[in-house]
PDB file of N, CA and C in Angstrom:
ATOM      1  N   MET A   1     -91.793 -23.987  73.410  1.00  0.00           N
ATOM      2  CA  MET A   1     -90.686 -24.225  74.269  1.00  0.00           C
ATOM      3  C   MET A   1     -89.517 -24.829  73.491  1.00  0.00           C
ATOM      4  N   LYS A   2     -88.296 -24.398  73.673  1.00  0.00           N
ATOM      5  CA  LYS A   2     -87.120 -24.901  72.997  1.00  0.00           C
ATOM      6  C   LYS A   2     -86.770 -26.254  73.526  1.00  0.00           C
ATOM      7  N   ALA A   3     -86.220 -27.014  72.662  1.00  0.00           N
ATOM      8  CA  ALA A   3     -85.770 -28.378  73.046  1.00  0.00           C
ATOM      9  C   ALA A   3     -84.423 -28.699  72.395  1.00  0.00           C
ATOM     10  N   LYS A   4     -83.652 -29.431  73.182  1.00  0.00           N
ATOM     11  CA  LYS A   4     -82.244 -29.851  72.615  1.00  0.00           C
ATOM     12  C   LYS A   4     -82.379 -31.209  72.014  1.00  0.00           C
ATOM     13  N   ILE A   5     -81.965 -31.360  70.878  1.00  0.00           N
ATOM     14  CA  ILE A   5     -81.920 -32.675  70.154  1.00  0.00           C
ATOM     15  C   ILE A   5     -80.511 -33.060  69.839  1.00  0.00           C
ATOM     16  N   ILE A   6     -80.087 -34.339  70.073  1.00  0.00           N
ATOM     17  CA  ILE A   6     -78.741 -34.794  69.755  1.00  0.00           C
ATOM     18  C   ILE A   6     -78.835 -35.905  68.784  1.00  0.00           C
ATOM     19  N   LEU A   7     -78.247 -35.780  67.639  1.00  0.00           N
ATOM     20  CA  LEU A   7     -78.236 -36.704  66.623  1.00  0.00           C
ATOM     21  C   LEU A   7     -76.815 -37.386  66.717  1.00  0.00           C
ATOM     22  N   GLN A   8     -76.810 -38.731  66.847  1.00  0.00           N
ATOM     23  CA  GLN A   8     -75.481 -39.431  67.012  1.00  0.00           C
ATOM     24  C   GLN A   8     -75.412 -40.441  65.921  1.00  0.00           C
ATOM     25  N   ARG A   9     -74.435 -40.383  65.119  1.00  0.00           N
ATOM     26  CA  ARG A   9     -74.195 -41.316  64.045  1.00  0.00           C
ATOM     27  C   ARG A   9     -72.983 -42.121  64.298  1.00  0.00           C
ATOM     28  N   SER A  10     -72.901 -43.260  63.698  1.00  0.00           N
ATOM     29  CA  SER A  10     -71.669 -44.151  64.010  1.00  0.00           C
ATOM     30  C   SER A  10     -70.558 -43.926  62.944  1.00  0.00           C
ATOM     31  N   SER A  11     -70.913 -43.243  61.836  1.00  0.00           N
ATOM     32  CA  SER A  11     -69.792 -42.896  60.868  1.00  0.00           C
ATOM     33  C   SER A  11     -70.192 -41.571  60.215  1.00  0.00           C
ATOM     34  N   ALA A  12     -69.198 -40.854  59.767  1.00  0.00           N
ATOM     35  CA  ALA A  12     -69.489 -39.566  59.102  1.00  0.00           C
ATOM     36  C   ALA A  12     -70.322 -39.777  57.808  1.00  0.00           C
ATOM     37  N   GLN A  13     -70.355 -40.920  57.257  1.00  0.00           N
ATOM     38  CA  GLN A  13     -71.081 -41.214  56.054  1.00  0.00           C
ATOM     39  C   GLN A  13     -72.534 -41.567  56.307  1.00  0.00           C
ATOM     40  N   GLU A  14     -72.895 -41.905  57.491  1.00  0.00           N
ATOM     41  CA  GLU A  14     -74.156 -42.320  57.918  1.00  0.00           C
ATOM     42  C   GLU A  14     -75.203 -41.231  57.755  1.00  0.00           C
ATOM     43  N   ARG A  15     -76.343 -41.458  57.076  1.00  0.00           N
ATOM     44  CA  ARG A  15     -77.376 -40.460  56.831  1.00  0.00           C
ATOM     45  C   ARG A  15     -78.090 -40.172  58.058  1.00  0.00           C
ATOM     46  N   LEU A  16     -78.514 -38.964  58.194  1.00  0.00           N
ATOM     47  CA  LEU A  16     -79.290 -38.539  59.412  1.00  0.00           C
ATOM     48  C   LEU A  16     -80.784 -38.838  59.160  1.00  0.00           C
ATOM     49  N   GLY A  17     -81.286 -38.932  58.000  1.00  0.00           N
ATOM     50  CA  GLY A  17     -82.624 -39.270  57.724  1.00  0.00           C
ATOM     51  C   GLY A  17     -83.528 -38.148  57.883  1.00  0.00           C
ATOM     52  N   LEU A  18     -83.124 -36.916  57.546  1.00  0.00           N
ATOM     53  CA  LEU A  18     -84.078 -35.761  57.600  1.00  0.00           C
ATOM     54  C   LEU A  18     -83.861 -34.883  56.383  1.00  0.00           C
ATOM     55  N   GLY A  19     -84.885 -34.265  55.986  1.00  0.00           N
ATOM     56  CA  GLY A  19     -84.890 -33.285  54.917  1.00  0.00           C
ATOM     57  C   GLY A  19     -85.364 -31.961  55.525  1.00  0.00           C
ATOM     58  N   ILE A  20     -84.514 -30.892  55.117  1.00  0.00           N
ATOM     59  CA  ILE A  20     -84.868 -29.557  55.697  1.00  0.00           C
ATOM     60  C   ILE A  20     -85.172 -28.563  54.530  1.00  0.00           C
ATOM     61  N   ALA A  21     -85.859 -27.552  54.964  1.00  0.00           N
ATOM     62  CA  ALA A  21     -86.132 -26.386  54.100  1.00  0.00           C
ATOM     63  C   ALA A  21     -85.561 -25.158  54.691  1.00  0.00           C
ATOM     64  N   VAL A  22     -84.620 -24.547  53.949  1.00  0.00           N
ATOM     65  CA  VAL A  22     -83.967 -23.320  54.467  1.00  0.00           C
ATOM     66  C   VAL A  22     -84.633 -22.111  53.768  1.00  0.00           C
ATOM     67  N   GLU A  23     -85.261 -21.308  54.549  1.00  0.00           N
ATOM     68  CA  GLU A  23     -85.854 -20.128  54.009  1.00  0.00           C
ATOM     69  C   GLU A  23     -84.902 -18.969  54.210  1.00  0.00           C
ATOM     70  N   SER A  24     -84.632 -18.254  53.184  1.00  0.00           N
ATOM     71  CA  SER A  24     -83.733 -17.134  53.244  1.00  0.00           C
ATOM     72  C   SER A  24     -84.263 -15.936  52.556  1.00  0.00           C
ATOM     73  N   ASP A  25     -83.792 -14.737  52.987  1.00  0.00           N
ATOM     74  CA  ASP A  25     -84.255 -13.504  52.310  1.00  0.00           C
ATOM     75  C   ASP A  25     -83.588 -13.376  50.976  1.00  0.00           C
ATOM     76  N   ASP A  26     -84.172 -12.660  50.065  1.00  0.00           N
ATOM     77  CA  ASP A  26     -83.691 -12.627  48.683  1.00  0.00           C
ATOM     78  C   ASP A  26     -82.534 -11.594  48.529  1.00  0.00           C
ATOM     79  N   THR A  27     -82.468 -10.667  49.434  1.00  0.00           N
ATOM     80  CA  THR A  27     -81.452  -9.569  49.215  1.00  0.00           C
ATOM     81  C   THR A  27     -80.033  -9.952  49.706  1.00  0.00           C
ATOM     82  N   GLU A  28     -79.995 -10.568  50.853  1.00  0.00           N
ATOM     83  CA  GLU A  28     -78.676 -10.773  51.454  1.00  0.00           C
ATOM     84  C   GLU A  28     -78.384 -12.233  51.650  1.00  0.00           C
ATOM     85  N   ASN A  29     -79.309 -13.189  51.213  1.00  0.00           N
ATOM     86  CA  ASN A  29     -79.160 -14.674  51.338  1.00  0.00           C
ATOM     87  C   ASN A  29     -79.033 -15.050  52.761  1.00  0.00           C
ATOM     88  N   ARG A  30     -79.589 -14.269  53.750  1.00  0.00           N
ATOM     89  CA  ARG A  30     -79.507 -14.640  55.126  1.00  0.00           C
ATOM     90  C   ARG A  30     -80.675 -15.543  55.487  1.00  0.00           C
ATOM     91  N   VAL A  31     -80.391 -16.492  56.380  1.00  0.00           N
ATOM     92  CA  VAL A  31     -81.383 -17.551  56.740  1.00  0.00           C
ATOM     93  C   VAL A  31     -82.430 -16.843  57.622  1.00  0.00           C
ATOM     94  N   ILE A  32     -83.696 -17.087  57.293  1.00  0.00           N
ATOM     95  CA  ILE A  32     -84.806 -16.694  58.081  1.00  0.00           C
ATOM     96  C   ILE A  32     -85.242 -17.782  58.972  1.00  0.00           C
ATOM     97  N   ALA A  33     -85.415 -18.985  58.448  1.00  0.00           N
ATOM     98  CA  ALA A  33     -85.804 -20.129  59.191  1.00  0.00           C
ATOM     99  C   ALA A  33     -85.317 -21.407  58.583  1.00  0.00           C
ATOM    100  N   VAL A  34     -85.084 -22.430  59.335  1.00  0.00           N
ATOM    101  CA  VAL A  34     -84.768 -23.819  58.883  1.00  0.00           C
ATOM    102  C   VAL A  34     -85.823 -24.685  59.456  1.00  0.00           C
ATOM    103  N   ARG A  35     -86.590 -25.373  58.641  1.00  0.00           N
ATOM    104  CA  ARG A  35     -87.570 -26.249  59.137  1.00  0.00           C
ATOM    105  C   ARG A  35     -87.384 -27.651  58.636  1.00  0.00           C
ATOM    106  N   VAL A  36     -87.762 -28.598  59.514  1.00  0.00           N
ATOM    107  CA  VAL A  36     -87.712 -29.995  59.194  1.00  0.00           C
ATOM    108  C   VAL A  36     -88.917 -30.350  58.245  1.00  0.00           C
ATOM    109  N   GLU A  37     -88.615 -30.847  57.094  1.00  0.00           N
ATOM    110  CA  GLU A  37     -89.667 -31.143  55.991  1.00  0.00           C
ATOM    111  C   GLU A  37     -89.966 -32.621  55.922  1.00  0.00           C
ATOM    112  N   GLN A  38     -88.922 -33.462  56.213  1.00  0.00           N
ATOM    113  CA  GLN A  38     -89.055 -34.887  56.056  1.00  0.00           C
ATOM    114  C   GLN A  38     -88.296 -35.643  57.083  1.00  0.00           C
ATOM    115  N   ILE A  39     -88.890 -36.690  57.581  1.00  0.00           N
ATOM    116  CA  ILE A  39     -88.127 -37.523  58.487  1.00  0.00           C
ATOM    117  C   ILE A  39     -88.260 -39.042  57.913  1.00  0.00           C
ATOM    118  N   ASP A  40     -87.213 -39.643  57.716  1.00  0.00           N
ATOM    119  CA  ASP A  40     -87.239 -40.984  57.271  1.00  0.00           C
ATOM    120  C   ASP A  40     -87.634 -41.942  58.378  1.00  0.00           C
ATOM    121  N   PRO A  41     -88.409 -42.990  58.110  1.00  0.00           N
ATOM    122  CA  PRO A  41     -88.725 -43.956  59.141  1.00  0.00           C
ATOM    123  C   PRO A  41     -87.526 -44.634  59.720  1.00  0.00           C
ATOM    124  N   ASP A  42     -87.498 -44.893  61.074  1.00  0.00           N
ATOM    125  CA  ASP A  42     -86.454 -45.615  61.714  1.00  0.00           C
ATOM    126  C   ASP A  42     -85.004 -44.949  61.507  1.00  0.00           C
ATOM    127  N   SER A  43     -85.037 -43.668  61.199  1.00  0.00           N
ATOM    128  CA  SER A  43     -83.761 -42.957  61.060  1.00  0.00           C
ATOM    129  C   SER A  43     -83.226 -42.433  62.317  1.00  0.00           C
ATOM    130  N   ILE A  44     -81.964 -41.926  62.357  1.00  0.00           N
ATOM    131  CA  ILE A  44     -81.370 -41.214  63.472  1.00  0.00           C
ATOM    132  C   ILE A  44     -82.229 -40.023  63.868  1.00  0.00           C
ATOM    133  N   ALA A  45     -82.674 -39.206  62.902  1.00  0.00           N
ATOM    134  CA  ALA A  45     -83.567 -38.092  63.237  1.00  0.00           C
ATOM    135  C   ALA A  45     -84.779 -38.419  63.954  1.00  0.00           C
ATOM    136  N   GLU A  46     -85.511 -39.560  63.419  1.00  0.00           N
ATOM    137  CA  GLU A  46     -86.729 -40.027  64.070  1.00  0.00           C
ATOM    138  C   GLU A  46     -86.452 -40.519  65.507  1.00  0.00           C
ATOM    139  N   LYS A  47     -85.417 -41.287  65.665  1.00  0.00           N
ATOM    140  CA  LYS A  47     -85.081 -41.818  66.945  1.00  0.00           C
ATOM    141  C   LYS A  47     -84.731 -40.773  67.988  1.00  0.00           C
ATOM    142  N   ALA A  48     -84.178 -39.698  67.418  1.00  0.00           N
ATOM    143  CA  ALA A  48     -83.843 -38.536  68.342  1.00  0.00           C
ATOM    144  C   ALA A  48     -85.029 -37.637  68.762  1.00  0.00           C
ATOM    145  N   GLY A  49     -86.102 -37.909  68.038  1.00  0.00           N
ATOM    146  CA  GLY A  49     -87.347 -37.174  68.480  1.00  0.00           C
ATOM    147  C   GLY A  49     -87.759 -36.053  67.504  1.00  0.00           C
ATOM    148  N   LEU A  50     -86.989 -35.783  66.398  1.00  0.00           N
ATOM    149  CA  LEU A  50     -87.351 -34.699  65.546  1.00  0.00           C
ATOM    150  C   LEU A  50     -88.657 -35.063  64.796  1.00  0.00           C
ATOM    151  N   GLN A  51     -89.398 -34.045  64.494  1.00  0.00           N
ATOM    152  CA  GLN A  51     -90.647 -34.210  63.801  1.00  0.00           C
ATOM    153  C   GLN A  51     -90.786 -33.163  62.610  1.00  0.00           C
ATOM    154  N   VAL A  52     -91.586 -33.564  61.611  1.00  0.00           N
ATOM    155  CA  VAL A  52     -91.810 -32.630  60.551  1.00  0.00           C
ATOM    156  C   VAL A  52     -92.491 -31.416  61.103  1.00  0.00           C
ATOM    157  N   GLY A  53     -92.019 -30.272  60.650  1.00  0.00           N
ATOM    158  CA  GLY A  53     -92.494 -28.969  61.124  1.00  0.00           C
ATOM    159  C   GLY A  53     -91.678 -28.309  62.238  1.00  0.00           C
ATOM    160  N   ASP A  54     -90.797 -29.112  62.851  1.00  0.00           N
ATOM    161  CA  ASP A  54     -89.884 -28.435  63.831  1.00  0.00           C
ATOM    162  C   ASP A  54     -88.995 -27.455  63.210  1.00  0.00           C
ATOM    163  N   ARG A  55     -88.769 -26.336  63.926  1.00  0.00           N
ATOM    164  CA  ARG A  55     -87.928 -25.270  63.456  1.00  0.00           C
ATOM    165  C   ARG A  55     -86.599 -25.399  64.106  1.00  0.00           C
ATOM    166  N   ILE A  56     -85.511 -25.477  63.342  1.00  0.00           N
ATOM    167  CA  ILE A  56     -84.172 -25.617  63.863  1.00  0.00           C
ATOM    168  C   ILE A  56     -83.623 -24.204  64.135  1.00  0.00           C
ATOM    169  N   LEU A  57     -83.166 -23.887  65.421  1.00  0.00           N
ATOM    170  CA  LEU A  57     -82.687 -22.590  65.833  1.00  0.00           C
ATOM    171  C   LEU A  57     -81.133 -22.623  65.749  1.00  0.00           C
ATOM    172  N   GLN A  58     -80.527 -23.694  66.216  1.00  0.00           N
ATOM    173  CA  GLN A  58     -79.052 -23.802  66.358  1.00  0.00           C
ATOM    174  C   GLN A  58     -78.604 -25.112  65.909  1.00  0.00           C
ATOM    175  N   ILE A  59     -77.462 -25.192  65.228  1.00  0.00           N
ATOM    176  CA  ILE A  59     -76.782 -26.438  64.877  1.00  0.00           C
ATOM    177  C   ILE A  59     -75.364 -26.388  65.472  1.00  0.00           C
ATOM    178  N   ASN A  60     -75.116 -27.239  66.384  1.00  0.00           N
ATOM    179  CA  ASN A  60     -73.781 -27.198  67.112  1.00  0.00           C
ATOM    180  C   ASN A  60     -73.418 -25.892  67.670  1.00  0.00           C
ATOM    181  N   ASN A  61     -74.333 -25.310  68.398  1.00  0.00           N
ATOM    182  CA  ASN A  61     -74.153 -23.958  69.016  1.00  0.00           C
ATOM    183  C   ASN A  61     -74.008 -22.809  68.086  1.00  0.00           C
ATOM    184  N   VAL A  62     -74.396 -22.944  66.769  1.00  0.00           N
ATOM    185  CA  VAL A  62     -74.335 -21.871  65.813  1.00  0.00           C
ATOM    186  C   VAL A  62     -75.818 -21.473  65.494  1.00  0.00           C
ATOM    187  N   ASP A  63     -76.070 -20.171  65.761  1.00  0.00           N
ATOM    188  CA  ASP A  63     -77.487 -19.716  65.425  1.00  0.00           C
ATOM    189  C   ASP A  63     -77.579 -19.635  63.956  1.00  0.00           C
ATOM    190  N   VAL A  64     -78.547 -20.400  63.393  1.00  0.00           N
ATOM    191  CA  VAL A  64     -78.716 -20.450  62.033  1.00  0.00           C
ATOM    192  C   VAL A  64     -79.173 -19.131  61.358  1.00  0.00           C
ATOM    193  N   GLN A  65     -79.815 -18.252  62.204  1.00  0.00           N
ATOM    194  CA  GLN A  65     -80.161 -16.936  61.594  1.00  0.00           C
ATOM    195  C   GLN A  65     -79.018 -15.985  61.404  1.00  0.00           C
ATOM    196  N   ASN A  66     -77.792 -16.418  61.827  1.00  0.00           N
ATOM    197  CA  ASN A  66     -76.619 -15.609  61.582  1.00  0.00           C
ATOM    198  C   ASN A  66     -75.840 -16.208  60.401  1.00  0.00           C
ATOM    199  N   CYS A  67     -76.391 -17.110  59.727  1.00  0.00           N
ATOM    200  CA  CYS A  67     -75.651 -17.774  58.591  1.00  0.00           C
ATOM    201  C   CYS A  67     -76.233 -17.424  57.261  1.00  0.00           C
ATOM    202  N   THR A  68     -75.466 -17.626  56.247  1.00  0.00           N
ATOM    203  CA  THR A  68     -76.088 -17.647  54.875  1.00  0.00           C
ATOM    204  C   THR A  68     -76.698 -18.963  54.591  1.00  0.00           C
ATOM    205  N   ARG A  69     -77.419 -19.176  53.635  1.00  0.00           N
ATOM    206  CA  ARG A  69     -78.034 -20.430  53.277  1.00  0.00           C
ATOM    207  C   ARG A  69     -76.936 -21.553  53.126  1.00  0.00           C
ATOM    208  N   GLN A  70     -75.801 -21.239  52.449  1.00  0.00           N
ATOM    209  CA  GLN A  70     -74.772 -22.203  52.216  1.00  0.00           C
ATOM    210  C   GLN A  70     -74.040 -22.545  53.528  1.00  0.00           C
ATOM    211  N   GLN A  71     -73.770 -21.583  54.363  1.00  0.00           N
ATOM    212  CA  GLN A  71     -73.169 -21.837  55.639  1.00  0.00           C
ATOM    213  C   GLN A  71     -74.045 -22.781  56.576  1.00  0.00           C
ATOM    214  N   CYS A  72     -75.348 -22.557  56.452  1.00  0.00           N
ATOM    215  CA  CYS A  72     -76.304 -23.389  57.227  1.00  0.00           C
ATOM    216  C   CYS A  72     -76.246 -24.744  56.773  1.00  0.00           C
ATOM    217  N   LEU A  73     -76.277 -25.001  55.403  1.00  0.00           N
ATOM    218  CA  LEU A  73     -76.159 -26.393  54.929  1.00  0.00           C
ATOM    219  C   LEU A  73     -74.833 -27.064  55.249  1.00  0.00           C
ATOM    220  N   SER A  74     -73.748 -26.280  55.262  1.00  0.00           N
ATOM    221  CA  SER A  74     -72.505 -26.855  55.525  1.00  0.00           C
ATOM    222  C   SER A  74     -72.266 -27.212  57.025  1.00  0.00           C
ATOM    223  N   LEU A  75     -73.069 -26.590  57.946  1.00  0.00           N
ATOM    224  CA  LEU A  75     -73.064 -27.091  59.314  1.00  0.00           C
ATOM    225  C   LEU A  75     -73.444 -28.505  59.413  1.00  0.00           C
ATOM    226  N   PHE A  76     -74.333 -29.033  58.603  1.00  0.00           N
ATOM    227  CA  PHE A  76     -74.717 -30.390  58.640  1.00  0.00           C
ATOM    228  C   PHE A  76     -73.601 -31.277  57.935  1.00  0.00           C
ATOM    229  N   GLN A  77     -73.110 -30.744  56.820  1.00  0.00           N
ATOM    230  CA  GLN A  77     -72.212 -31.486  56.042  1.00  0.00           C
ATOM    231  C   GLN A  77     -70.812 -31.710  56.727  1.00  0.00           C
ATOM    232  N   LYS A  78     -70.420 -30.618  57.450  1.00  0.00           N
ATOM    233  CA  LYS A  78     -69.077 -30.696  58.039  1.00  0.00           C
ATOM    234  C   LYS A  78     -69.114 -31.181  59.487  1.00  0.00           C
ATOM    235  N   ALA A  79     -70.278 -31.574  60.056  1.00  0.00           N
ATOM    236  CA  ALA A  79     -70.505 -31.898  61.477  1.00  0.00           C
ATOM    237  C   ALA A  79     -69.816 -33.257  61.756  1.00  0.00           C
ATOM    238  N   SER A  80     -69.398 -33.406  62.972  1.00  0.00           N
ATOM    239  CA  SER A  80     -68.785 -34.650  63.414  1.00  0.00           C
ATOM    240  C   SER A  80     -69.865 -35.725  63.636  1.00  0.00           C
ATOM    241  N   LEU A  81     -69.496 -36.722  64.357  1.00  0.00           N
ATOM    242  CA  LEU A  81     -70.482 -37.839  64.593  1.00  0.00           C
ATOM    243  C   LEU A  81     -71.664 -37.400  65.439  1.00  0.00           C
ATOM    244  N   THR A  82     -71.496 -36.344  66.229  1.00  0.00           N
ATOM    245  CA  THR A  82     -72.546 -35.862  67.118  1.00  0.00           C
ATOM    246  C   THR A  82     -72.911 -34.385  66.636  1.00  0.00           C
ATOM    247  N   ILE A  83     -74.277 -34.303  66.405  1.00  0.00           N
ATOM    248  CA  ILE A  83     -74.807 -33.014  66.006  1.00  0.00           C
ATOM    249  C   ILE A  83     -75.843 -32.657  67.069  1.00  0.00           C
ATOM    250  N   THR A  84     -75.631 -31.453  67.696  1.00  0.00           N
ATOM    251  CA  THR A  84     -76.553 -30.930  68.681  1.00  0.00           C
ATOM    252  C   THR A  84     -77.342 -29.882  68.166  1.00  0.00           C
ATOM    253  N   MET A  85     -78.619 -29.891  68.214  1.00  0.00           N
ATOM    254  CA  MET A  85     -79.535 -28.894  67.682  1.00  0.00           C
ATOM    255  C   MET A  85     -80.421 -28.328  68.835  1.00  0.00           C
ATOM    256  N   MET A  86     -80.702 -27.062  68.739  1.00  0.00           N
ATOM    257  CA  MET A  86     -81.818 -26.537  69.467  1.00  0.00           C
ATOM    258  C   MET A  86     -83.007 -26.247  68.511  1.00  0.00           C
ATOM    259  N   ILE A  87     -84.199 -26.746  68.970  1.00  0.00           N
ATOM    260  CA  ILE A  87     -85.309 -26.705  67.999  1.00  0.00           C
ATOM    261  C   ILE A  87     -86.435 -25.981  68.740  1.00  0.00           C
ATOM    262  N   PHE A  88     -87.395 -25.517  68.002  1.00  0.00           N
ATOM    263  CA  PHE A  88     -88.743 -25.091  68.475  1.00  0.00           C
ATOM    264  C   PHE A  88     -89.692 -26.013  67.877  1.00  0.00           C
ATOM    265  N   PRO A  89     -90.401 -26.854  68.613  1.00  0.00           N
ATOM    266  CA  PRO A  89     -91.279 -27.858  68.046  1.00  0.00           C
ATOM    267  C   PRO A  89     -92.351 -27.135  67.199  1.00  0.00           C
ATOM    268  N   GLY A  90     -92.646 -27.810  66.072  1.00  0.00           N
ATOM    269  CA  GLY A  90     -93.602 -27.229  65.076  1.00  0.00           C
ATOM    270  C   GLY A  90     -94.956 -27.444  65.362  1.00  0.00           C
ATOM    271  N   LYS A  91     -95.323 -28.365  66.289  1.00  0.00           N
ATOM    272  CA  LYS A  91     -96.796 -28.685  66.489  1.00  0.00           C
ATOM    273  C   LYS A  91     -97.050 -28.442  67.989  1.00  0.00           C
TER     274      LYS A  91
END
């Protein structure tokens, strides 16, 4: 079942505290899946309820499977103080 996760940071420089793995196809560099690989203890990501293994479907209403690998990563880098994600729980 899909879930909505909201990450709220107090400044653009504040770390979210998550590590992701972006799986892409080799031919067109299109994203196949984005998975949460690491959650820092007591981080914004942990407090929001993200868990290792969760699959990220959307970042700020952008479907990650319509992105290239670089576009997907830039969605996090260019995001404002609030990041909204749709996820599919990994466990």
